PDB file of N, CA and C in Angstrom:
ATOM      1  N   MET A   1     113.687 100.380 156.793  1.00  0.00           N
ATOM      2  CA  MET A   1     112.925  99.754 155.734  1.00  0.00           C
ATOM      3  C   MET A   1     113.263 100.440 154.412  1.00  0.00           C
ATOM      4  N   GLU A   2     113.539  99.641 153.408  1.00  0.00           N
ATOM      5  CA  GLU A   2     113.772 100.180 152.066  1.00  0.00           C
ATOM      6  C   GLU A   2     112.459 100.209 151.299  1.00  0.00           C
ATOM      7  N   TYR A   3     112.282 101.248 150.494  1.00  0.00           N
ATOM      8  CA  TYR A   3     111.146 101.278 149.578  1.00  0.00           C
ATOM      9  C   TYR A   3     111.558 102.036 148.335  1.00  0.00           C
ATOM     10  N   LYS A   4     110.861 101.789 147.247  1.00  0.00           N
ATOM     11  CA  LYS A   4     111.147 102.442 145.971  1.00  0.00           C
ATOM     12  C   LYS A   4     109.834 102.836 145.310  1.00  0.00           C
ATOM     13  N   ASP A   5     109.869 103.898 144.548  1.00  0.00           N
ATOM     14  CA  ASP A   5     108.747 104.327 143.717  1.00  0.00           C
ATOM     15  C   ASP A   5     108.991 103.775 142.317  1.00  0.00           C
ATOM     16  N   ILE A   6     108.202 102.801 141.906  1.00  0.00           N
ATOM     17  CA  ILE A   6     108.465 102.139 140.628  1.00  0.00           C
ATOM     18  C   ILE A   6     108.140 103.022 139.428  1.00  0.00           C
ATOM     19  N   LEU A   7     107.386 104.083 139.634  1.00  0.00           N
ATOM     20  CA  LEU A   7     107.123 105.000 138.517  1.00  0.00           C
ATOM     21  C   LEU A   7     108.328 105.890 138.246  1.00  0.00           C
ATOM     22  N   THR A   8     108.927 106.428 139.291  1.00  0.00           N
ATOM     23  CA  THR A   8     110.084 107.304 139.083  1.00  0.00           C
ATOM     24  C   THR A   8     111.360 106.509 138.813  1.00  0.00           C
ATOM     25  N   ALA A   9     111.386 105.227 139.191  1.00  0.00           N
ATOM     26  CA  ALA A   9     112.571 104.393 138.948  1.00  0.00           C
ATOM     27  C   ALA A   9     112.689 103.977 137.485  1.00  0.00           C
ATOM     28  N   ALA A  10     111.582 103.953 136.770  1.00  0.00           N
ATOM     29  CA  ALA A  10     111.586 103.488 135.375  1.00  0.00           C
ATOM     30  C   ALA A  10     112.394 104.428 134.487  1.00  0.00           C
ATOM     31  N   LYS A  11     113.241 103.843 133.649  1.00  0.00           N
ATOM     32  CA  LYS A  11     114.056 104.588 132.685  1.00  0.00           C
ATOM     33  C   LYS A  11     113.981 103.864 131.347  1.00  0.00           C
ATOM     34  N   TYR A  12     113.814 104.616 130.281  1.00  0.00           N
ATOM     35  CA  TYR A  12     113.718 104.048 128.936  1.00  0.00           C
ATOM     36  C   TYR A  12     114.860 104.570 128.074  1.00  0.00           C
ATOM     37  N   SER A  13     115.246 103.777 127.089  1.00  0.00           N
ATOM     38  CA  SER A  13     116.270 104.166 126.128  1.00  0.00           C
ATOM     39  C   SER A  13     115.843 103.688 124.754  1.00  0.00           C
ATOM     40  N   THR A  14     116.056 104.519 123.747  1.00  0.00           N
ATOM     41  CA  THR A  14     115.730 104.098 122.382  1.00  0.00           C
ATOM     42  C   THR A  14     116.743 103.083 121.864  1.00  0.00           C
ATOM     43  N   GLU A  15     117.889 102.957 122.524  1.00  0.00           N
ATOM     44  CA  GLU A  15     118.941 102.050 122.060  1.00  0.00           C
ATOM     45  C   GLU A  15     118.716 100.601 122.455  1.00  0.00           C
ATOM     46  N   LYS A  16     118.272 100.360 123.713  1.00  0.00           N
ATOM     47  CA  LYS A  16     118.051  98.986 124.154  1.00  0.00           C
ATOM     48  C   LYS A  16     117.188  98.958 125.405  1.00  0.00           C
ATOM     49  N   MET A  17     116.662  97.772 125.699  1.00  0.00           N
ATOM     50  CA  MET A  17     115.882  97.555 126.905  1.00  0.00           C
ATOM     51  C   MET A  17     116.706  97.965 128.125  1.00  0.00           C
ATOM     52  N   GLN A  18     116.042  98.572 129.102  1.00  0.00           N
ATOM     53  CA  GLN A  18     116.716  98.995 130.325  1.00  0.00           C
ATOM     54  C   GLN A  18     116.318  98.094 131.486  1.00  0.00           C
ATOM     55  N   LYS A  19     117.301  97.723 132.303  1.00  0.00           N
ATOM     56  CA  LYS A  19     117.075  96.960 133.529  1.00  0.00           C
ATOM     57  C   LYS A  19     117.481  97.851 134.690  1.00  0.00           C
ATOM     58  N   ILE A  20     116.541  98.114 135.592  1.00  0.00           N
ATOM     59  CA  ILE A  20     116.808  98.954 136.753  1.00  0.00           C
ATOM     60  C   ILE A  20     116.626  98.107 138.001  1.00  0.00           C
ATOM     61  N   ASN A  21     117.679  97.949 138.774  1.00  0.00           N
ATOM     62  CA  ASN A  21     117.585  97.147 139.987  1.00  0.00           C
ATOM     63  C   ASN A  21     116.895  97.933 141.087  1.00  0.00           C
ATOM     64  N   LEU A  22     115.911  97.300 141.732  1.00  0.00           N
ATOM     65  CA  LEU A  22     115.226  97.908 142.866  1.00  0.00           C
ATOM     66  C   LEU A  22     115.769  97.364 144.187  1.00  0.00           C
ATOM     67  N   PHE A  23     115.850  96.047 144.276  1.00  0.00           N
ATOM     68  CA  PHE A  23     116.322  95.386 145.492  1.00  0.00           C
ATOM     69  C   PHE A  23     117.158  94.177 145.103  1.00  0.00           C
ATOM     70  N   GLU A  24     118.144  93.871 145.947  1.00  0.00           N
ATOM     71  CA  GLU A  24     119.004  92.735 145.651  1.00  0.00           C
ATOM     72  C   GLU A  24     119.597  92.198 146.942  1.00  0.00           C
ATOM     73  N   THR A  25     119.513  90.889 147.096  1.00  0.00           N
ATOM     74  CA  THR A  25     120.197  90.190 148.180  1.00  0.00           C
ATOM     75  C   THR A  25     120.893  88.977 147.566  1.00  0.00           C
ATOM     76  N   ARG A  26     121.556  88.218 148.395  1.00  0.00           N
ATOM     77  CA  ARG A  26     122.170  86.978 147.908  1.00  0.00           C
ATOM     78  C   ARG A  26     121.100  86.008 147.401  1.00  0.00           C
ATOM     79  N   ASN A  27     119.873  86.125 147.911  1.00  0.00           N
ATOM     80  CA  ASN A  27     118.816  85.158 147.609  1.00  0.00           C
ATOM     81  C   ASN A  27     117.941  85.514 146.411  1.00  0.00           C
ATOM     82  N   PHE A  28     117.833  86.804 146.075  1.00  0.00           N
ATOM     83  CA  PHE A  28     116.947  87.189 144.973  1.00  0.00           C
ATOM     84  C   PHE A  28     117.308  88.579 144.480  1.00  0.00           C
ATOM     85  N   PHE A  29     116.729  88.931 143.316  1.00  0.00           N
ATOM     86  CA  PHE A  29     116.734  90.334 142.912  1.00  0.00           C
ATOM     87  C   PHE A  29     115.364  90.704 142.383  1.00  0.00           C
ATOM     88  N   CYS A  30     115.094  92.001 142.425  1.00  0.00           N
ATOM     89  CA  CYS A  30     113.860  92.572 141.894  1.00  0.00           C
ATOM     90  C   CYS A  30     114.261  93.755 141.021  1.00  0.00           C
ATOM     91  N   ASP A  31     113.924  93.671 139.737  1.00  0.00           N
ATOM     92  CA  ASP A  31     114.262  94.708 138.762  1.00  0.00           C
ATOM     93  C   ASP A  31     113.009  95.238 138.087  1.00  0.00           C
ATOM     94  N   ILE A  32     113.143  96.408 137.486  1.00  0.00           N
ATOM     95  CA  ILE A  32     112.169  96.890 136.512  1.00  0.00           C
ATOM     96  C   ILE A  32     112.831  96.777 135.151  1.00  0.00           C
ATOM     97  N   TYR A  33     112.134  96.169 134.201  1.00  0.00           N
ATOM     98  CA  TYR A  33     112.587  96.126 132.811  1.00  0.00           C
ATOM     99  C   TYR A  33     111.718  97.106 132.037  1.00  0.00           C
ATOM    100  N   CYS A  34     112.341  97.974 131.254  1.00  0.00           N
ATOM    101  CA  CYS A  34     111.640  98.989 130.471  1.00  0.00           C
ATOM    102  C   CYS A  34     111.957  98.779 128.995  1.00  0.00           C
ATOM    103  N   LEU A  35     110.925  98.499 128.208  1.00  0.00           N
ATOM    104  CA  LEU A  35     111.108  98.222 126.787  1.00  0.00           C
ATOM    105  C   LEU A  35     110.308  99.207 125.951  1.00  0.00           C
ATOM    106  N   GLU A  36     110.986  99.878 125.060  1.00  0.00           N
ATOM    107  CA  GLU A  36     110.318 100.717 124.066  1.00  0.00           C
ATOM    108  C   GLU A  36     109.712  99.793 123.000  1.00  0.00           C
ATOM    109  N   PRO A  37     108.776 100.294 122.193  1.00  0.00           N
ATOM    110  CA  PRO A  37     108.233  99.481 121.108  1.00  0.00           C
ATOM    111  C   PRO A  37     109.356  98.896 120.246  1.00  0.00           C
ATOM    112  N   GLY A  38     109.232  97.601 119.947  1.00  0.00           N
ATOM    113  CA  GLY A  38     110.207  96.916 119.109  1.00  0.00           C
ATOM    114  C   GLY A  38     111.384  96.311 119.855  1.00  0.00           C
ATOM    115  N   GLN A  39     111.558  96.638 121.131  1.00  0.00           N
ATOM    116  CA  GLN A  39     112.682  96.088 121.889  1.00  0.00           C
ATOM    117  C   GLN A  39     112.337  94.718 122.463  1.00  0.00           C
ATOM    118  N   GLU A  40     113.385  93.964 122.819  1.00  0.00           N
ATOM    119  CA  GLU A  40     113.166  92.628 123.362  1.00  0.00           C
ATOM    120  C   GLU A  40     114.272  92.234 124.325  1.00  0.00           C
ATOM    121  N   GLN A  41     113.948  91.276 125.161  1.00  0.00           N
ATOM    122  CA  GLN A  41     114.952  90.540 125.918  1.00  0.00           C
ATOM    123  C   GLN A  41     115.076  89.218 125.175  1.00  0.00           C
ATOM    124  N   LYS A  42     116.209  88.998 124.567  1.00  0.00           N
ATOM    125  CA  LYS A  42     116.398  87.798 123.748  1.00  0.00           C
ATOM    126  C   LYS A  42     116.187  86.538 124.582  1.00  0.00           C
ATOM    127  N   VAL A  43     115.683  85.507 123.925  1.00  0.00           N
ATOM    128  CA  VAL A  43     115.449  84.232 124.588  1.00  0.00           C
ATOM    129  C   VAL A  43     116.779  83.686 125.109  1.00  0.00           C
ATOM    130  N   HIS A  44     116.768  83.279 126.365  1.00  0.00           N
ATOM    131  CA  HIS A  44     117.957  82.768 127.043  1.00  0.00           C
ATOM    132  C   HIS A  44     117.509  81.842 128.166  1.00  0.00           C
ATOM    133  N   ALA A  45     118.431  81.246 128.867  1.00  0.00           N
ATOM    134  CA  ALA A  45     118.098  80.346 129.974  1.00  0.00           C
ATOM    135  C   ALA A  45     119.010  80.614 131.163  1.00  0.00           C
ATOM    136  N   HIS A  46     118.469  80.350 132.345  1.00  0.00           N
ATOM    137  CA  HIS A  46     119.234  80.352 133.594  1.00  0.00           C
ATOM    138  C   HIS A  46     119.108  78.939 134.150  1.00  0.00           C
ATOM    139  N   HIS A  47     120.202  78.276 134.344  1.00  0.00           N
ATOM    140  CA  HIS A  47     120.147  76.857 134.697  1.00  0.00           C
ATOM    141  C   HIS A  47     119.647  76.592 136.108  1.00  0.00           C
ATOM    142  N   THR A  48     119.864  77.513 137.035  1.00  0.00           N
ATOM    143  CA  THR A  48     119.476  77.249 138.426  1.00  0.00           C
ATOM    144  C   THR A  48     118.571  78.321 139.021  1.00  0.00           C
ATOM    145  N   GLU A  49     118.130  79.295 138.214  1.00  0.00           N
ATOM    146  CA  GLU A  49     117.331  80.402 138.750  1.00  0.00           C
ATOM    147  C   GLU A  49     115.934  80.420 138.137  1.00  0.00           C
ATOM    148  N   ASP A  50     114.936  80.663 138.981  1.00  0.00           N
ATOM    149  CA  ASP A  50     113.557  80.885 138.550  1.00  0.00           C
ATOM    150  C   ASP A  50     113.349  82.377 138.339  1.00  0.00           C
ATOM    151  N   LYS A  51     112.494  82.723 137.358  1.00  0.00           N
ATOM    152  CA  LYS A  51     112.200  84.136 137.077  1.00  0.00           C
ATOM    153  C   LYS A  51     110.692  84.333 136.982  1.00  0.00           C
ATOM    154  N   ILE A  52     110.231  85.468 137.498  1.00  0.00           N
ATOM    155  CA  ILE A  52     108.828  85.869 137.380  1.00  0.00           C
ATOM    156  C   ILE A  52     108.784  87.249 136.754  1.00  0.00           C
ATOM    157  N   TYR A  53     107.950  87.395 135.716  1.00  0.00           N
ATOM    158  CA  TYR A  53     107.678  88.687 135.087  1.00  0.00           C
ATOM    159  C   TYR A  53     106.268  89.122 135.497  1.00  0.00           C
ATOM    160  N   LEU A  54     106.097  90.382 135.894  1.00  0.00           N
ATOM    161  CA  LEU A  54     104.786  90.969 136.168  1.00  0.00           C
ATOM    162  C   LEU A  54     104.648  92.207 135.300  1.00  0.00           C
ATOM    163  N   VAL A  55     103.599  92.249 134.480  1.00  0.00           N
ATOM    164  CA  VAL A  55     103.389  93.390 133.585  1.00  0.00           C
ATOM    165  C   VAL A  55     102.772  94.542 134.378  1.00  0.00           C
ATOM    166  N   LEU A  56     103.500  95.649 134.461  1.00  0.00           N
ATOM    167  CA  LEU A  56     103.012  96.849 135.140  1.00  0.00           C
ATOM    168  C   LEU A  56     102.312  97.798 134.174  1.00  0.00           C
ATOM    169  N   GLU A  57     102.830  97.868 132.948  1.00  0.00           N
ATOM    170  CA  GLU A  57     102.304  98.813 131.958  1.00  0.00           C
ATOM    171  C   GLU A  57     102.544  98.242 130.566  1.00  0.00           C
ATOM    172  N   GLY A  58     101.548  98.383 129.697  1.00  0.00           N
ATOM    173  CA  GLY A  58     101.689  97.934 128.321  1.00  0.00           C
ATOM    174  C   GLY A  58     101.385  96.459 128.160  1.00  0.00           C
ATOM    175  N   SER A  59     101.895  95.892 127.076  1.00  0.00           N
ATOM    176  CA  SER A  59     101.721  94.463 126.816  1.00  0.00           C
ATOM    177  C   SER A  59     102.943  93.948 126.082  1.00  0.00           C
ATOM    178  N   GLY A  60     103.173  92.641 126.216  1.00  0.00           N
ATOM    179  CA  GLY A  60     104.332  92.040 125.577  1.00  0.00           C
ATOM    180  C   GLY A  60     104.094  90.589 125.241  1.00  0.00           C
ATOM    181  N   GLU A  61     104.933  90.084 124.358  1.00  0.00           N
ATOM    182  CA  GLU A  61     104.910  88.664 124.020  1.00  0.00           C
ATOM    183  C   GLU A  61     105.949  87.971 124.894  1.00  0.00           C
ATOM    184  N   PHE A  62     105.506  87.013 125.679  1.00  0.00           N
ATOM    185  CA  PHE A  62     106.375  86.267 126.581  1.00  0.00           C
ATOM    186  C   PHE A  62     106.597  84.878 126.016  1.00  0.00           C
ATOM    187  N   ILE A  63     107.841  84.460 126.016  1.00  0.00           N
ATOM    188  CA  ILE A  63     108.219  83.154 125.496  1.00  0.00           C
ATOM    189  C   ILE A  63     108.803  82.346 126.647  1.00  0.00           C
ATOM    190  N   VAL A  64     108.287  81.144 126.841  1.00  0.00           N
ATOM    191  CA  VAL A  64     108.858  80.185 127.784  1.00  0.00           C
ATOM    192  C   VAL A  64     108.887  78.847 127.063  1.00  0.00           C
ATOM    193  N   ASP A  65     110.095  78.379 126.787  1.00  0.00           N
ATOM    194  CA  ASP A  65     110.319  77.162 126.011  1.00  0.00           C
ATOM    195  C   ASP A  65     109.579  77.251 124.678  1.00  0.00           C
ATOM    196  N   ASP A  66     108.693  76.317 124.378  1.00  0.00           N
ATOM    197  CA  ASP A  66     108.026  76.289 123.071  1.00  0.00           C
ATOM    198  C   ASP A  66     106.704  77.046 123.046  1.00  0.00           C
ATOM    199  N   GLU A  67     106.386  77.762 124.118  1.00  0.00           N
ATOM    200  CA  GLU A  67     105.122  78.491 124.193  1.00  0.00           C
ATOM    201  C   GLU A  67     105.366  79.993 124.155  1.00  0.00           C
ATOM    202  N   SER A  68     104.401  80.721 123.588  1.00  0.00           N
ATOM    203  CA  SER A  68     104.434  82.183 123.651  1.00  0.00           C
ATOM    204  C   SER A  68     103.015  82.678 123.863  1.00  0.00           C
ATOM    205  N   ILE A  69     102.911  83.812 124.555  1.00  0.00           N
ATOM    206  CA  ILE A  69     101.606  84.389 124.850  1.00  0.00           C
ATOM    207  C   ILE A  69     101.757  85.899 124.960  1.00  0.00           C
ATOM    208  N   GLU A  70     100.765  86.620 124.482  1.00  0.00           N
ATOM    209  CA  GLU A  70     100.709  88.078 124.607  1.00  0.00           C
ATOM    210  C   GLU A  70      99.941  88.394 125.884  1.00  0.00           C
ATOM    211  N   LEU A  71     100.575  89.151 126.788  1.00  0.00           N
ATOM    212  CA  LEU A  71      99.944  89.487 128.059  1.00  0.00           C
ATOM    213  C   LEU A  71     100.040  90.977 128.328  1.00  0.00           C
ATOM    214  N   GLY A  72      99.009  91.486 129.015  1.00  0.00           N
ATOM    215  CA  GLY A  72      98.956  92.892 129.365  1.00  0.00           C
ATOM    216  C   GLY A  72      99.060  93.115 130.863  1.00  0.00           C
ATOM    217  N   GLU A  73      98.691  94.306 131.265  1.00  0.00           N
ATOM    218  CA  GLU A  73      98.842  94.758 132.643  1.00  0.00           C
ATOM    219  C   GLU A  73      98.210  93.804 133.649  1.00  0.00           C
ATOM    220  N   ASN A  74      98.906  93.652 134.766  1.00  0.00           N
ATOM    221  CA  ASN A  74      98.483  92.832 135.900  1.00  0.00           C
ATOM    222  C   ASN A  74      98.522  91.336 135.631  1.00  0.00           C
ATOM    223  N   LYS A  75      99.190  90.931 134.566  1.00  0.00           N
ATOM    224  CA  LYS A  75      99.385  89.507 134.275  1.00  0.00           C
ATOM    225  C   LYS A  75     100.825  89.146 134.621  1.00  0.00           C
ATOM    226  N   THR A  76     101.045  87.881 134.962  1.00  0.00           N
ATOM    227  CA  THR A  76     102.370  87.431 135.366  1.00  0.00           C
ATOM    228  C   THR A  76     102.745  86.146 134.645  1.00  0.00           C
ATOM    229  N   VAL A  77     104.042  85.944 134.469  1.00  0.00           N
ATOM    230  CA  VAL A  77     104.579  84.773 133.778  1.00  0.00           C
ATOM    231  C   VAL A  77     105.683  84.180 134.645  1.00  0.00           C
ATOM    232  N   PHE A  78     105.706  82.851 134.732  1.00  0.00           N
ATOM    233  CA  PHE A  78     106.743  82.135 135.475  1.00  0.00           C
ATOM    234  C   PHE A  78     107.642  81.404 134.495  1.00  0.00           C
ATOM    235  N   ALA A  79     108.945  81.635 134.609  1.00  0.00           N
ATOM    236  CA  ALA A  79     109.947  80.937 133.798  1.00  0.00           C
ATOM    237  C   ALA A  79     110.824  80.127 134.751  1.00  0.00           C
ATOM    238  N   PRO A  80     110.560  78.819 134.868  1.00  0.00           N
ATOM    239  CA  PRO A  80     111.332  78.012 135.813  1.00  0.00           C
ATOM    240  C   PRO A  80     112.784  77.846 135.388  1.00  0.00           C
ATOM    241  N   ALA A  81     113.620  77.528 136.336  1.00  0.00           N
ATOM    242  CA  ALA A  81     115.042  77.293 136.068  1.00  0.00           C
ATOM    243  C   ALA A  81     115.197  76.303 134.921  1.00  0.00           C
ATOM    244  N   GLY A  82     116.111  76.608 134.013  1.00  0.00           N
ATOM    245  CA  GLY A  82     116.380  75.738 132.879  1.00  0.00           C
ATOM    246  C   GLY A  82     115.541  76.003 131.649  1.00  0.00           C
ATOM    247  N   SER A  83     114.487  76.808 131.784  1.00  0.00           N
ATOM    248  CA  SER A  83     113.626  77.085 130.626  1.00  0.00           C
ATOM    249  C   SER A  83     114.238  78.187 129.761  1.00  0.00           C
ATOM    250  N   ASN A  84     113.996  78.098 128.470  1.00  0.00           N
ATOM    251  CA  ASN A  84     114.356  79.182 127.551  1.00  0.00           C
ATOM    252  C   ASN A  84     113.245  80.212 127.635  1.00  0.00           C
ATOM    253  N   HIS A  85     113.601  81.462 127.897  1.00  0.00           N
ATOM    254  CA  HIS A  85     112.570  82.478 128.096  1.00  0.00           C
ATOM    255  C   HIS A  85     113.049  83.843 127.604  1.00  0.00           C
ATOM    256  N   GLY A  86     112.084  84.704 127.294  1.00  0.00           N
ATOM    257  CA  GLY A  86     112.370  86.063 126.859  1.00  0.00           C
ATOM    258  C   GLY A  86     111.074  86.827 126.697  1.00  0.00           C
ATOM    259  N   VAL A  87     111.191  88.097 126.314  1.00  0.00           N
ATOM    260  CA  VAL A  87     110.009  88.940 126.134  1.00  0.00           C
ATOM    261  C   VAL A  87     110.262  89.910 124.992  1.00  0.00           C
ATOM    262  N   ARG A  88     109.197  90.196 124.231  1.00  0.00           N
ATOM    263  CA  ARG A  88     109.265  91.144 123.115  1.00  0.00           C
ATOM    264  C   ARG A  88     108.138  92.159 123.252  1.00  0.00           C
ATOM    265  N   ASN A  89     108.468  93.411 122.978  1.00  0.00           N
ATOM    266  CA  ASN A  89     107.441  94.448 122.932  1.00  0.00           C
ATOM    267  C   ASN A  89     107.080  94.672 121.469  1.00  0.00           C
ATOM    268  N   ARG A  90     106.011  94.033 121.031  1.00  0.00           N
ATOM    269  CA  ARG A  90     105.554  94.165 119.642  1.00  0.00           C
ATOM    270  C   ARG A  90     104.496  95.261 119.493  1.00  0.00           C
ATOM    271  N   SER A  91     104.183  95.928 120.586  1.00  0.00           N
ATOM    272  CA  SER A  91     103.138  96.958 120.556  1.00  0.00           C
ATOM    273  C   SER A  91     103.720  98.309 120.140  1.00  0.00           C
ATOM    274  N   GLU A  92     102.860  99.300 120.073  1.00  0.00           N
ATOM    275  CA  GLU A  92     103.264 100.674 119.757  1.00  0.00           C
ATOM    276  C   GLU A  92     103.476 101.499 121.029  1.00  0.00           C
ATOM    277  N   SER A  93     103.340 100.852 122.197  1.00  0.00           N
ATOM    278  CA  SER A  93     103.465 101.542 123.485  1.00  0.00           C
ATOM    279  C   SER A  93     104.615 100.959 124.292  1.00  0.00           C
ATOM    280  N   ARG A  94     105.017 101.682 125.302  1.00  0.00           N
ATOM    281  CA  ARG A  94     106.068 101.202 126.196  1.00  0.00           C
ATOM    282  C   ARG A  94     105.589  99.998 127.007  1.00  0.00           C
ATOM    283  N   LEU A  95     106.540  99.150 127.370  1.00  0.00           N
ATOM    284  CA  LEU A  95     106.280  97.983 128.210  1.00  0.00           C
ATOM    285  C   LEU A  95     107.160  98.095 129.451  1.00  0.00           C
ATOM    286  N   ARG A  96     106.519  98.014 130.620  1.00  0.00           N
ATOM    287  CA  ARG A  96     107.250  98.091 131.894  1.00  0.00           C
ATOM    288  C   ARG A  96     106.920  96.849 132.714  1.00  0.00           C
ATOM    289  N   LEU A  97     107.961  96.145 133.156  1.00  0.00           N
ATOM    290  CA  LEU A  97     107.808  94.885 133.877  1.00  0.00           C
ATOM    291  C   LEU A  97     108.491  94.950 135.231  1.00  0.00           C
ATOM    292  N   LEU A  98     107.915  94.278 136.203  1.00  0.00           N
ATOM    293  CA  LEU A  98     108.579  94.022 137.469  1.00  0.00           C
ATOM    294  C   LEU A  98     109.078  92.583 137.385  1.00  0.00           C
ATOM    295  N   VAL A  99     110.362  92.364 137.634  1.00  0.00           N
ATOM    296  CA  VAL A  99     110.981  91.054 137.428  1.00  0.00           C
ATOM    297  C   VAL A  99     111.670  90.603 138.712  1.00  0.00           C
ATOM    298  N   PHE A 100     111.375  89.372 139.105  1.00  0.00           N
ATOM    299  CA  PHE A 100     111.995  88.757 140.278  1.00  0.00           C
ATOM    300  C   PHE A 100     112.774  87.530 139.829  1.00  0.00           C
ATOM    301  N   MET A 101     113.946  87.314 140.404  1.00  0.00           N
ATOM    302  CA  MET A 101     114.712  86.106 140.118  1.00  0.00           C
ATOM    303  C   MET A 101     115.314  85.578 141.414  1.00  0.00           C
ATOM    304  N   THR A 102     115.232  84.256 141.562  1.00  0.00           N
ATOM    305  CA  THR A 102     115.805  83.597 142.730  1.00  0.00           C
ATOM    306  C   THR A 102     116.339  82.227 142.347  1.00  0.00           C
ATOM    307  N   PRO A 103     117.489  81.816 142.883  1.00  0.00           N
ATOM    308  CA  PRO A 103     118.429  82.646 143.631  1.00  0.00           C
ATOM    309  C   PRO A 103     119.085  83.684 142.729  1.00  0.00           C
ATOM    310  N   ASN A 104     119.708  84.651 143.328  1.00  0.00           N
ATOM    311  CA  ASN A 104     120.324  85.742 142.585  1.00  0.00           C
ATOM    312  C   ASN A 104     121.580  85.243 141.861  1.00  0.00           C
ATOM    313  N   PRO A 105     121.590  85.267 140.515  1.00  0.00           N
ATOM    314  CA  PRO A 105     122.764  84.776 139.782  1.00  0.00           C
ATOM    315  C   PRO A 105     124.010  85.640 139.985  1.00  0.00           C
ATOM    316  N   ASN A 106     123.835  86.877 140.442  1.00  0.00           N
ATOM    317  CA  ASN A 106     124.981  87.755 140.696  1.00  0.00           C
ATOM    318  C   ASN A 106     125.812  87.298 141.893  1.00  0.00           C
ATOM    319  N   PHE A 107     125.235  86.394 142.700  1.00  0.00           N
ATOM    320  CA  PHE A 107     125.937  85.896 143.883  1.00  0.00           C
ATOM    321  C   PHE A 107     126.220  84.407 143.791  1.00  0.00           C
ATOM    322  N   SER A 108     126.077  83.829 142.599  1.00  0.00           N
ATOM    323  CA  SER A 108     126.339  82.392 142.431  1.00  0.00           C
ATOM    324  C   SER A 108     127.793  82.093 142.743  1.00  0.00           C
ATOM    325  N   SER A 109     127.998  80.933 143.342  1.00  0.00           N
ATOM    326  CA  SER A 109     129.382  80.571 143.689  1.00  0.00           C
ATOM    327  C   SER A 109     130.078  79.845 142.572  1.00  0.00           C
TER     328      SER A 109
END
């Protein structure tokens, strides 16, 4: 059985948002995204993959298509395949997210 400690896995950089892979198969991946204040994941789209963001620490502005919402700890956001989505840390604190995507785009044919 594989397991990870999401507190010790988190890594931050003042240069850019960090993505740390926890688990990955052909069918999905699970990452931790770590954003310092002012950092963002630019709005983008995945044509065939669904994404879920879960806020572990801090708060962020989540964008899905024409909507945006500020969410804090223990809140989750769904970005369906084809949607334009991203996240911004507009707070003065760190933002840590657990992110799931399926199917895994790293194994797309």
